[in-house]
C-alpha atoms as a PDB file:
ATOM      1  CA  MET A   1       0.000   0.000   0.000  1.00  0.00           C
ATOM      2  CA  LYS A   2       2.824   2.372   0.798  1.00  0.00           C
ATOM      3  CA  ASN A   3       4.281   2.057  -2.729  1.00  0.00           C
ATOM      4  CA  VAL A   4       0.913   2.944  -4.252  1.00  0.00           C
ATOM      5  CA  GLN A   5       0.622   6.010  -2.027  1.00  0.00           C
ATOM      6  CA  GLU A   6       4.199   7.044  -2.784  1.00  0.00           C
ATOM      7  CA  SER A   7       3.621   6.616  -6.527  1.00  0.00           C
ATOM      8  CA  ALA A   8       0.416   8.651  -6.382  1.00  0.00           C
ATOM      9  CA  SER A   9       2.096  11.357  -4.338  1.00  0.00           C
ATOM     10  CA  HIS A  10       5.019  11.525  -6.764  1.00  0.00           C
ATOM     11  CA  ALA A  11       2.665  11.711  -9.762  1.00  0.00           C
ATOM     12  CA  ALA A  12       0.709  14.516  -8.117  1.00  0.00           C
ATOM     13  CA  ARG A  13       3.907  16.505  -7.555  1.00  0.00           C
ATOM     14  CA  THR A  14       5.714  15.878 -10.832  1.00  0.00           C
ATOM     15  CA  GLY A  15       3.617  13.986 -13.392  1.00  0.00           C
ATOM     16  CA  PRO A  16       1.750  15.497 -16.303  1.00  0.00           C
ATOM     17  CA  PHE A  17      -1.879  16.485 -15.867  1.00  0.00           C
ATOM     18  CA  PHE A  18      -4.498  15.113 -18.264  1.00  0.00           C
ATOM     19  CA  ILE A  19      -7.326  17.585 -17.831  1.00  0.00           C
ATOM     20  CA  VAL A  20     -10.719  16.300 -18.928  1.00  0.00           C
ATOM     21  CA  LEU A  21     -12.499  19.585 -19.574  1.00  0.00           C
ATOM     22  CA  ASN A  22     -16.215  19.910 -20.145  1.00  0.00           C
ATOM     23  CA  PRO A  23     -16.551  23.474 -21.488  1.00  0.00           C
ATOM     24  CA  GLY A  24     -20.318  23.112 -21.967  1.00  0.00           C
ATOM     25  CA  SER A  25     -20.957  22.380 -18.311  1.00  0.00           C
ATOM     26  CA  GLY A  26     -21.822  25.277 -16.035  1.00  0.00           C
ATOM     27  CA  HIS A  27     -22.333  28.960 -16.689  1.00  0.00           C
ATOM     28  CA  ARG A  28     -18.778  30.262 -16.657  1.00  0.00           C
ATOM     29  CA  ASP A  29     -16.339  31.434 -19.322  1.00  0.00           C
ATOM     30  CA  ALA A  30     -14.811  28.042 -20.199  1.00  0.00           C
ATOM     31  CA  GLU A  31     -12.282  29.455 -22.652  1.00  0.00           C
ATOM     32  CA  GLY A  32     -11.128  32.055 -20.145  1.00  0.00           C
ATOM     33  CA  GLU A  33     -10.750  29.422 -17.451  1.00  0.00           C
ATOM     34  CA  LYS A  34      -8.847  27.172 -19.843  1.00  0.00           C
ATOM     35  CA  GLN A  35      -6.455  30.024 -20.606  1.00  0.00           C
ATOM     36  CA  THR A  36      -5.973  30.717 -16.892  1.00  0.00           C
ATOM     37  CA  ILE A  37      -5.259  27.051 -16.137  1.00  0.00           C
ATOM     38  CA  SER A  38      -2.836  26.915 -19.078  1.00  0.00           C
ATOM     39  CA  ARG A  39      -0.978  30.023 -17.942  1.00  0.00           C
ATOM     40  CA  ILE A  40      -0.620  28.833 -14.348  1.00  0.00           C
ATOM     41  CA  LEU A  41       0.574  25.359 -15.337  1.00  0.00           C
ATOM     42  CA  GLN A  42       2.999  26.738 -17.929  1.00  0.00           C
ATOM     43  CA  GLU A  43       4.427  29.198 -15.407  1.00  0.00           C
ATOM     44  CA  SER A  44       4.959  26.346 -12.960  1.00  0.00           C
ATOM     45  CA  GLY A  45       6.688  24.234 -15.619  1.00  0.00           C
ATOM     46  CA  ARG A  46       4.051  21.517 -15.440  1.00  0.00           C
ATOM     47  CA  ASP A  47       3.313  19.321 -18.458  1.00  0.00           C
ATOM     48  CA  PHE A  48      -0.398  19.044 -19.219  1.00  0.00           C
ATOM     49  CA  GLU A  49      -2.901  18.212 -21.901  1.00  0.00           C
ATOM     50  CA  PHE A  50      -6.513  19.316 -22.208  1.00  0.00           C
ATOM     51  CA  MET A  51      -8.903  16.604 -23.317  1.00  0.00           C
ATOM     52  CA  GLU A  52     -12.151  18.382 -24.123  1.00  0.00           C
ATOM     53  CA  VAL A  53     -15.610  16.899 -23.985  1.00  0.00           C
ATOM     54  CA  ASN A  54     -17.021  18.021 -27.332  1.00  0.00           C
ATOM     55  CA  GLY A  55     -19.352  15.265 -28.462  1.00  0.00           C
ATOM     56  CA  ALA A  56     -16.870  13.757 -30.906  1.00  0.00           C
ATOM     57  CA  GLU A  57     -15.996  11.036 -28.404  1.00  0.00           C
ATOM     58  CA  PRO A  58     -18.289   9.674 -25.685  1.00  0.00           C
ATOM     59  CA  ILE A  59     -17.248  11.031 -22.295  1.00  0.00           C
ATOM     60  CA  ASP A  60     -16.656   7.571 -20.813  1.00  0.00           C
ATOM     61  CA  LEU A  61     -14.197   6.717 -23.604  1.00  0.00           C
ATOM     62  CA  LEU A  62     -12.504  10.095 -23.225  1.00  0.00           C
ATOM     63  CA  ALA A  63     -12.120   9.475 -19.488  1.00  0.00           C
ATOM     64  CA  ARG A  64     -10.716   5.981 -20.098  1.00  0.00           C
ATOM     65  CA  ARG A  65      -8.222   7.415 -22.586  1.00  0.00           C
ATOM     66  CA  ALA A  66      -7.166  10.042 -20.026  1.00  0.00           C
ATOM     67  CA  VAL A  67      -6.636   7.331 -17.409  1.00  0.00           C
ATOM     68  CA  ALA A  68      -4.600   5.211 -19.836  1.00  0.00           C
ATOM     69  CA  LEU A  69      -2.377   8.186 -20.698  1.00  0.00           C
ATOM     70  CA  ALA A  70      -1.927   9.073 -17.031  1.00  0.00           C
ATOM     71  CA  GLN A  71      -0.980   5.501 -16.180  1.00  0.00           C
ATOM     72  CA  ALA A  72       1.455   5.254 -19.082  1.00  0.00           C
ATOM     73  CA  GLN A  73       3.110   8.581 -18.276  1.00  0.00           C
ATOM     74  CA  LYS A  74       2.847   8.424 -14.488  1.00  0.00           C
ATOM     75  CA  GLY A  75       0.537  11.397 -14.509  1.00  0.00           C
ATOM     76  CA  VAL A  76      -2.727  12.568 -13.017  1.00  0.00           C
ATOM     77  CA  VAL A  77      -6.260  12.830 -14.413  1.00  0.00           C
ATOM     78  CA  VAL A  78      -8.013  16.077 -13.522  1.00  0.00           C
ATOM     79  CA  ALA A  79     -11.727  16.684 -14.117  1.00  0.00           C
ATOM     80  CA  ALA A  80     -12.659  20.293 -14.872  1.00  0.00           C
ATOM     81  CA  GLY A  81     -15.952  21.944 -15.693  1.00  0.00           C
ATOM     82  CA  GLY A  82     -19.297  22.498 -14.146  1.00  0.00           C
ATOM     83  CA  ASP A  83     -20.428  24.977 -11.566  1.00  0.00           C
END
């Protein structure tokens, strides 16, 4: 169990973020928030990739793809969107 926790902690500190973003969810400025997230992560030197929910791919498959990428690259899946 300790190795799993250590791996997760290391990924959270150093691994890339795979951000599953649902820009259609909620009532906020999704593009503005995406730009803010991008700026902050770039300034911190963090690798990241936005994976947008846009109807081209079912959300469950998009989420599975994000998890597979995070596992392969020792990264973290982040869900963003909504209120």
